[in-house]
Amino acid sequence: MGHFGRKPIQLAWFGVVLPALVLNYLGQGALLLHDPAAIENPFYRMAPAWAIYPLVALATAATVIASQAVISGAFSITREAIQLGYSPRMEVQHTSEKEIGQIYMPAINVALLIAVIALVLEFRSSTSWPRPTVSP
């Protein structure tokens, strides 16, 4: 449950995240019903022209936050796997003398770097993602 506990995470999810996602997806669906050509990029097509740059900044910030969560989660899950005997032992550096959960694992950091580089080299472009084809 992270550093916050079950109740705050549930409140944040059901009070903020879930309603925001539902509104966003309903808005994208309504846009696509109104303008099928918006299928190219419904998220940015929903916004007025003046809001594109702020939306790009917001999406970038969300990406940075999400990547930090993935890194922290990978460190925590790997440490738990080591403690349970499901993963080979590896170096775990504690970055705080006061907080036990603040750790850094160089081997996991390198593995994440290699995975990201491999994905970038494989896809090369955001348009390389396989799109579903409509069969006759």
C-alpha atoms as a PDB file:
ATOM      1  CA  MET A   1       0.000   0.000   0.000  1.00  0.00           C
ATOM      2  CA  GLY A   2       2.973   2.277  -0.337  1.00  0.00           C
ATOM      3  CA  HIS A   3       3.762   5.013   2.156  1.00  0.00           C
ATOM      4  CA  PHE A   4       0.180   6.239   2.582  1.00  0.00           C
ATOM      5  CA  GLY A   5      -1.921   3.255   3.568  1.00  0.00           C
ATOM      6  CA  ARG A   6      -5.105   1.731   2.198  1.00  0.00           C
ATOM      7  CA  LYS A   7      -7.686   4.426   3.051  1.00  0.00           C
ATOM      8  CA  PRO A   8      -5.935   7.461   1.455  1.00  0.00           C
ATOM      9  CA  ILE A   9      -5.203   5.444  -1.697  1.00  0.00           C
ATOM     10  CA  GLN A  10      -8.844   4.341  -1.953  1.00  0.00           C
ATOM     11  CA  LEU A  11     -10.078   7.907  -1.412  1.00  0.00           C
ATOM     12  CA  ALA A  12      -7.713   9.295  -4.045  1.00  0.00           C
ATOM     13  CA  TRP A  13      -8.613   6.573  -6.534  1.00  0.00           C
ATOM     14  CA  PHE A  14     -12.393   6.668  -6.173  1.00  0.00           C
ATOM     15  CA  GLY A  15     -12.646  10.417  -5.490  1.00  0.00           C
ATOM     16  CA  VAL A  16     -10.226  11.822  -8.070  1.00  0.00           C
ATOM     17  CA  VAL A  17      -8.618   9.329 -10.459  1.00  0.00           C
ATOM     18  CA  LEU A  18     -11.604   7.167 -11.428  1.00  0.00           C
ATOM     19  CA  PRO A  19     -14.004  10.093 -12.070  1.00  0.00           C
ATOM     20  CA  ALA A  20     -11.334  11.901 -14.097  1.00  0.00           C
ATOM     21  CA  LEU A  21     -10.649   8.812 -16.220  1.00  0.00           C
ATOM     22  CA  VAL A  22     -14.363   8.163 -16.769  1.00  0.00           C
ATOM     23  CA  LEU A  23     -14.957  11.785 -17.844  1.00  0.00           C
ATOM     24  CA  ASN A  24     -11.927  11.698 -20.139  1.00  0.00           C
ATOM     25  CA  TYR A  25     -12.950   8.455 -21.830  1.00  0.00           C
ATOM     26  CA  LEU A  26     -16.581   9.532 -22.171  1.00  0.00           C
ATOM     27  CA  GLY A  27     -15.389  12.804 -23.694  1.00  0.00           C
ATOM     28  CA  GLN A  28     -13.165  10.962 -26.157  1.00  0.00           C
ATOM     29  CA  GLY A  29     -16.043   8.650 -27.056  1.00  0.00           C
ATOM     30  CA  ALA A  30     -18.379  11.605 -27.631  1.00  0.00           C
ATOM     31  CA  LEU A  31     -15.741  13.310 -29.796  1.00  0.00           C
ATOM     32  CA  LEU A  32     -15.309  10.172 -31.911  1.00  0.00           C
ATOM     33  CA  LEU A  33     -19.071   9.810 -32.359  1.00  0.00           C
ATOM     34  CA  HIS A  34     -19.255  13.451 -33.465  1.00  0.00           C
ATOM     35  CA  ASP A  35     -16.055  13.452 -35.567  1.00  0.00           C
ATOM     36  CA  PRO A  36     -14.722  10.005 -36.611  1.00  0.00           C
ATOM     37  CA  ALA A  37     -11.648  11.660 -38.138  1.00  0.00           C
ATOM     38  CA  ALA A  38     -10.472  12.452 -34.582  1.00  0.00           C
ATOM     39  CA  ILE A  39      -9.407   8.793 -34.222  1.00  0.00           C
ATOM     40  CA  GLU A  40      -5.839   9.892 -35.042  1.00  0.00           C
ATOM     41  CA  ASN A  41      -5.406  11.523 -31.626  1.00  0.00           C
ATOM     42  CA  PRO A  42      -8.612  11.970 -29.612  1.00  0.00           C
ATOM     43  CA  PHE A  43      -6.867  13.148 -26.412  1.00  0.00           C
ATOM     44  CA  TYR A  44      -5.361  16.246 -28.011  1.00  0.00           C
ATOM     45  CA  ARG A  45      -8.230  16.793 -30.454  1.00  0.00           C
ATOM     46  CA  MET A  46     -10.606  17.314 -27.495  1.00  0.00           C
ATOM     47  CA  ALA A  47      -8.736  20.432 -26.440  1.00  0.00           C
ATOM     48  CA  PRO A  48      -8.867  23.882 -28.028  1.00  0.00           C
ATOM     49  CA  ALA A  49      -5.764  24.956 -29.953  1.00  0.00           C
ATOM     50  CA  TRP A  50      -4.501  27.234 -27.153  1.00  0.00           C
ATOM     51  CA  ALA A  51      -4.431  24.289 -24.699  1.00  0.00           C
ATOM     52  CA  ILE A  52      -2.187  21.968 -26.722  1.00  0.00           C
ATOM     53  CA  TYR A  53       1.109  23.134 -25.191  1.00  0.00           C
ATOM     54  CA  PRO A  54      -0.208  23.040 -21.603  1.00  0.00           C
ATOM     55  CA  LEU A  55      -1.558  19.529 -22.290  1.00  0.00           C
ATOM     56  CA  VAL A  56       1.824  18.413 -23.625  1.00  0.00           C
ATOM     57  CA  ALA A  57       3.444  19.797 -20.448  1.00  0.00           C
ATOM     58  CA  LEU A  58       0.859  18.012 -18.293  1.00  0.00           C
ATOM     59  CA  ALA A  59       1.345  14.737 -20.179  1.00  0.00           C
ATOM     60  CA  THR A  60       5.124  15.083 -19.790  1.00  0.00           C
ATOM     61  CA  ALA A  61       4.800  15.669 -16.036  1.00  0.00           C
ATOM     62  CA  ALA A  62       2.470  12.664 -15.740  1.00  0.00           C
ATOM     63  CA  THR A  63       4.998  10.545 -17.641  1.00  0.00           C
ATOM     64  CA  VAL A  64       7.812  11.572 -15.304  1.00  0.00           C
ATOM     65  CA  ILE A  65       5.698  10.791 -12.234  1.00  0.00           C
ATOM     66  CA  ALA A  66       4.629   7.437 -13.672  1.00  0.00           C
ATOM     67  CA  SER A  67       8.214   6.493 -14.526  1.00  0.00           C
ATOM     68  CA  GLN A  68       9.305   7.287 -10.971  1.00  0.00           C
ATOM     69  CA  ALA A  69       6.491   5.080  -9.673  1.00  0.00           C
ATOM     70  CA  VAL A  70       7.602   2.223 -11.952  1.00  0.00           C
ATOM     71  CA  ILE A  71      11.208   2.546 -10.762  1.00  0.00           C
ATOM     72  CA  SER A  72      10.217   2.643  -7.075  1.00  0.00           C
ATOM     73  CA  GLY A  73       7.841  -0.261  -7.575  1.00  0.00           C
ATOM     74  CA  ALA A  74      10.502  -2.339  -9.321  1.00  0.00           C
ATOM     75  CA  PHE A  75      12.921  -1.726  -6.441  1.00  0.00           C
ATOM     76  CA  SER A  76      10.300  -2.583  -3.793  1.00  0.00           C
ATOM     77  CA  ILE A  77       8.979  -5.696  -5.530  1.00  0.00           C
ATOM     78  CA  THR A  78      12.481  -7.008  -6.177  1.00  0.00           C
ATOM     79  CA  ARG A  79      13.476  -6.455  -2.546  1.00  0.00           C
ATOM     80  CA  GLU A  80      10.355  -8.352  -1.429  1.00  0.00           C
ATOM     81  CA  ALA A  81      11.154 -11.167  -3.884  1.00  0.00           C
ATOM     82  CA  ILE A  82      14.689 -11.390  -2.481  1.00  0.00           C
ATOM     83  CA  GLN A  83      13.350 -11.536   1.089  1.00  0.00           C
ATOM     84  CA  LEU A  84      10.902 -14.306   0.121  1.00  0.00           C
ATOM     85  CA  GLY A  85      13.604 -16.270  -1.707  1.00  0.00           C
ATOM     86  CA  TYR A  86      12.068 -15.838  -5.178  1.00  0.00           C
ATOM     87  CA  SER A  87      14.933 -13.758  -6.550  1.00  0.00           C
ATOM     88  CA  PRO A  88      18.684 -14.111  -6.257  1.00  0.00           C
ATOM     89  CA  ARG A  89      20.344 -11.815  -3.747  1.00  0.00           C
ATOM     90  CA  MET A  90      21.585  -8.499  -5.087  1.00  0.00           C
ATOM     91  CA  GLU A  91      22.817  -5.223  -3.706  1.00  0.00           C
ATOM     92  CA  VAL A  92      20.208  -3.101  -1.910  1.00  0.00           C
ATOM     93  CA  GLN A  93      21.322   0.392  -0.914  1.00  0.00           C
ATOM     94  CA  HIS A  94      19.298   2.159   1.759  1.00  0.00           C
ATOM     95  CA  THR A  95      19.193   5.858   0.841  1.00  0.00           C
ATOM     96  CA  SER A  96      17.796   7.045   4.168  1.00  0.00           C
ATOM     97  CA  GLU A  97      18.809   6.265   7.720  1.00  0.00           C
ATOM     98  CA  LYS A  98      15.266   7.025   8.948  1.00  0.00           C
ATOM     99  CA  GLU A  99      12.994   5.501   6.262  1.00  0.00           C
ATOM    100  CA  ILE A 100      13.375   1.765   5.695  1.00  0.00           C
ATOM    101  CA  GLY A 101      11.459   1.805   2.398  1.00  0.00           C
ATOM    102  CA  GLN A 102      13.764   4.213   0.583  1.00  0.00           C
ATOM    103  CA  ILE A 103      16.080   1.939  -1.359  1.00  0.00           C
ATOM    104  CA  TYR A 104      18.138   1.883  -4.531  1.00  0.00           C
ATOM    105  CA  MET A 105      19.077  -1.269  -6.437  1.00  0.00           C
ATOM    106  CA  PRO A 106      21.763  -0.680  -9.083  1.00  0.00           C
ATOM    107  CA  ALA A 107      21.156  -4.013 -10.878  1.00  0.00           C
ATOM    108  CA  ILE A 108      17.430  -3.300 -11.264  1.00  0.00           C
ATOM    109  CA  ASN A 109      18.191   0.237 -12.446  1.00  0.00           C
ATOM    110  CA  VAL A 110      20.492  -1.147 -15.160  1.00  0.00           C
ATOM    111  CA  ALA A 111      17.877  -3.771 -16.152  1.00  0.00           C
ATOM    112  CA  LEU A 112      15.236  -1.040 -16.531  1.00  0.00           C
ATOM    113  CA  LEU A 113      17.668   1.030 -18.635  1.00  0.00           C
ATOM    114  CA  ILE A 114      18.356  -1.923 -20.941  1.00  0.00           C
ATOM    115  CA  ALA A 115      14.618  -2.636 -21.284  1.00  0.00           C
ATOM    116  CA  VAL A 116      13.848   0.984 -22.188  1.00  0.00           C
ATOM    117  CA  ILE A 117      16.684   1.154 -24.725  1.00  0.00           C
ATOM    118  CA  ALA A 118      15.507  -2.125 -26.285  1.00  0.00           C
ATOM    119  CA  LEU A 119      11.927  -0.816 -26.583  1.00  0.00           C
ATOM    120  CA  VAL A 120      13.080   2.463 -28.145  1.00  0.00           C
ATOM    121  CA  LEU A 121      15.258   0.628 -30.658  1.00  0.00           C
ATOM    122  CA  GLU A 122      12.460  -1.820 -31.463  1.00  0.00           C
ATOM    123  CA  PHE A 123       9.690   0.726 -32.017  1.00  0.00           C
ATOM    124  CA  ARG A 124      11.790   3.710 -33.263  1.00  0.00           C
ATOM    125  CA  SER A 125       8.643   5.840 -33.531  1.00  0.00           C
ATOM    126  CA  SER A 126       5.325   6.216 -31.747  1.00  0.00           C
ATOM    127  CA  THR A 127       3.639   5.409 -35.058  1.00  0.00           C
ATOM    128  CA  SER A 128       5.286   1.958 -35.104  1.00  0.00           C
ATOM    129  CA  TRP A 129       2.821   0.554 -32.600  1.00  0.00           C
ATOM    130  CA  PRO A 130       0.725  -2.042 -34.437  1.00  0.00           C
ATOM    131  CA  ARG A 131      -2.708  -0.639 -35.177  1.00  0.00           C
ATOM    132  CA  PRO A 132      -5.646  -2.980 -35.604  1.00  0.00           C
ATOM    133  CA  THR A 133      -6.685  -3.526 -39.174  1.00  0.00           C
ATOM    134  CA  VAL A 134     -10.278  -3.717 -40.267  1.00  0.00           C
ATOM    135  CA  SER A 135     -10.996  -6.940 -42.104  1.00  0.00           C
ATOM    136  CA  PRO A 136     -13.539  -6.978 -44.903  1.00  0.00           C
END
